Amino acid sequence: MSDDPAKTRWMAIQAVRWSGLGIFILGLLIFAGKLDLPEIAGYVLMGVGLLDALFIPSVLAKRWKTPL
């Protein structure tokens, strides 16, 4: 593994995106009745997954942006 902080940060952002997608899909499975959990749990997981996949990576990128 390299010591390049940009590569490490990029990998972290990608991990957040993929985990958000996984959480969203889990919520969809609950909502569709494939998993025996309350429907509200599906809504919550879909919302959290969307936030995790779409908004958190940009927050991390802005936080980690190298000052000029």
C-alpha atoms as a PDB file:
ATOM      1  CA  MET A   1       0.000   0.000   0.000  1.00  0.00           C
ATOM      2  CA  SER A   2       1.304   3.424  -0.898  1.00  0.00           C
ATOM      3  CA  ASP A   3       1.736   6.390   1.399  1.00  0.00           C
ATOM      4  CA  ASP A   4      -0.048   8.705  -1.029  1.00  0.00           C
ATOM      5  CA  PRO A   5      -2.820  10.473   0.938  1.00  0.00           C
ATOM      6  CA  ALA A   6      -4.742  11.285  -2.259  1.00  0.00           C
ATOM      7  CA  LYS A   7      -5.029   7.593  -3.147  1.00  0.00           C
ATOM      8  CA  THR A   8      -6.108   6.708   0.384  1.00  0.00           C
ATOM      9  CA  ARG A   9      -8.741   9.443   0.367  1.00  0.00           C
ATOM     10  CA  TRP A  10     -10.004   8.382  -3.051  1.00  0.00           C
ATOM     11  CA  MET A  11     -10.346   4.808  -1.833  1.00  0.00           C
ATOM     12  CA  ALA A  12     -12.228   6.003   1.264  1.00  0.00           C
ATOM     13  CA  ILE A  13     -14.649   8.029  -0.870  1.00  0.00           C
ATOM     14  CA  GLN A  14     -15.268   5.024  -3.112  1.00  0.00           C
ATOM     15  CA  ALA A  15     -15.873   2.822  -0.063  1.00  0.00           C
ATOM     16  CA  VAL A  16     -18.445   5.315   1.234  1.00  0.00           C
ATOM     17  CA  ARG A  17     -20.206   5.350  -2.159  1.00  0.00           C
ATOM     18  CA  TRP A  18     -20.359   1.561  -2.398  1.00  0.00           C
ATOM     19  CA  SER A  19     -21.476   1.130   1.197  1.00  0.00           C
ATOM     20  CA  GLY A  20     -24.229   3.690   0.591  1.00  0.00           C
ATOM     21  CA  LEU A  21     -25.372   1.727  -2.433  1.00  0.00           C
ATOM     22  CA  GLY A  22     -25.409  -1.464  -0.369  1.00  0.00           C
ATOM     23  CA  ILE A  23     -27.447   0.185   2.383  1.00  0.00           C
ATOM     24  CA  PHE A  24     -29.905   1.530  -0.201  1.00  0.00           C
ATOM     25  CA  ILE A  25     -30.321  -1.925  -1.766  1.00  0.00           C
ATOM     26  CA  LEU A  26     -30.888  -3.440   1.669  1.00  0.00           C
ATOM     27  CA  GLY A  27     -33.643  -0.867   2.205  1.00  0.00           C
ATOM     28  CA  LEU A  28     -35.168  -1.775  -1.143  1.00  0.00           C
ATOM     29  CA  LEU A  29     -35.179  -5.444  -0.197  1.00  0.00           C
ATOM     30  CA  ILE A  30     -36.972  -4.650   3.046  1.00  0.00           C
ATOM     31  CA  PHE A  31     -39.469  -2.403   1.256  1.00  0.00           C
ATOM     32  CA  ALA A  32     -40.149  -5.099  -1.360  1.00  0.00           C
ATOM     33  CA  GLY A  33     -40.877  -7.648   1.366  1.00  0.00           C
ATOM     34  CA  LYS A  34     -37.860  -9.849   0.641  1.00  0.00           C
ATOM     35  CA  LEU A  35     -36.591  -9.352   4.192  1.00  0.00           C
ATOM     36  CA  ASP A  36     -38.901  -9.729   7.171  1.00  0.00           C
ATOM     37  CA  LEU A  37     -38.422  -6.320   8.774  1.00  0.00           C
ATOM     38  CA  PRO A  38     -40.811  -3.391   9.251  1.00  0.00           C
ATOM     39  CA  GLU A  39     -41.438  -1.308   6.134  1.00  0.00           C
ATOM     40  CA  ILE A  40     -40.324   1.854   7.941  1.00  0.00           C
ATOM     41  CA  ALA A  41     -36.871   0.300   8.320  1.00  0.00           C
ATOM     42  CA  GLY A  42     -36.706   0.047   4.536  1.00  0.00           C
ATOM     43  CA  TYR A  43     -37.539   3.726   4.152  1.00  0.00           C
ATOM     44  CA  VAL A  44     -34.936   4.715   6.728  1.00  0.00           C
ATOM     45  CA  LEU A  45     -32.233   2.568   5.151  1.00  0.00           C
ATOM     46  CA  MET A  46     -33.016   3.856   1.665  1.00  0.00           C
ATOM     47  CA  GLY A  47     -32.723   7.445   2.924  1.00  0.00           C
ATOM     48  CA  VAL A  48     -29.482   6.797   4.755  1.00  0.00           C
ATOM     49  CA  GLY A  49     -28.103   4.934   1.749  1.00  0.00           C
ATOM     50  CA  LEU A  50     -28.904   7.815  -0.585  1.00  0.00           C
ATOM     51  CA  LEU A  51     -27.256  10.315   1.735  1.00  0.00           C
ATOM     52  CA  ASP A  52     -24.258   8.041   2.116  1.00  0.00           C
ATOM     53  CA  ALA A  53     -23.834   7.448  -1.614  1.00  0.00           C
ATOM     54  CA  LEU A  54     -24.661  10.876  -3.021  1.00  0.00           C
ATOM     55  CA  PHE A  55     -23.826  13.569  -0.469  1.00  0.00           C
ATOM     56  CA  ILE A  56     -21.206  12.305   1.960  1.00  0.00           C
ATOM     57  CA  PRO A  57     -18.490  11.801  -0.716  1.00  0.00           C
ATOM     58  CA  SER A  58     -18.712  15.475  -1.720  1.00  0.00           C
ATOM     59  CA  VAL A  59     -18.560  16.512   1.942  1.00  0.00           C
ATOM     60  CA  LEU A  60     -15.434  14.419   2.407  1.00  0.00           C
ATOM     61  CA  ALA A  61     -13.872  15.790  -0.784  1.00  0.00           C
ATOM     62  CA  LYS A  62     -14.448  19.376   0.326  1.00  0.00           C
ATOM     63  CA  ARG A  63     -13.095  18.631   3.792  1.00  0.00           C
ATOM     64  CA  TRP A  64      -9.980  16.974   2.406  1.00  0.00           C
ATOM     65  CA  LYS A  65      -9.356  19.518  -0.364  1.00  0.00           C
ATOM     66  CA  THR A  66      -5.763  20.665  -0.341  1.00  0.00           C
ATOM     67  CA  PRO A  67      -5.496  24.409   0.342  1.00  0.00           C
ATOM     68  CA  LEU A  68      -3.793  26.379  -2.423  1.00  0.00           C
END
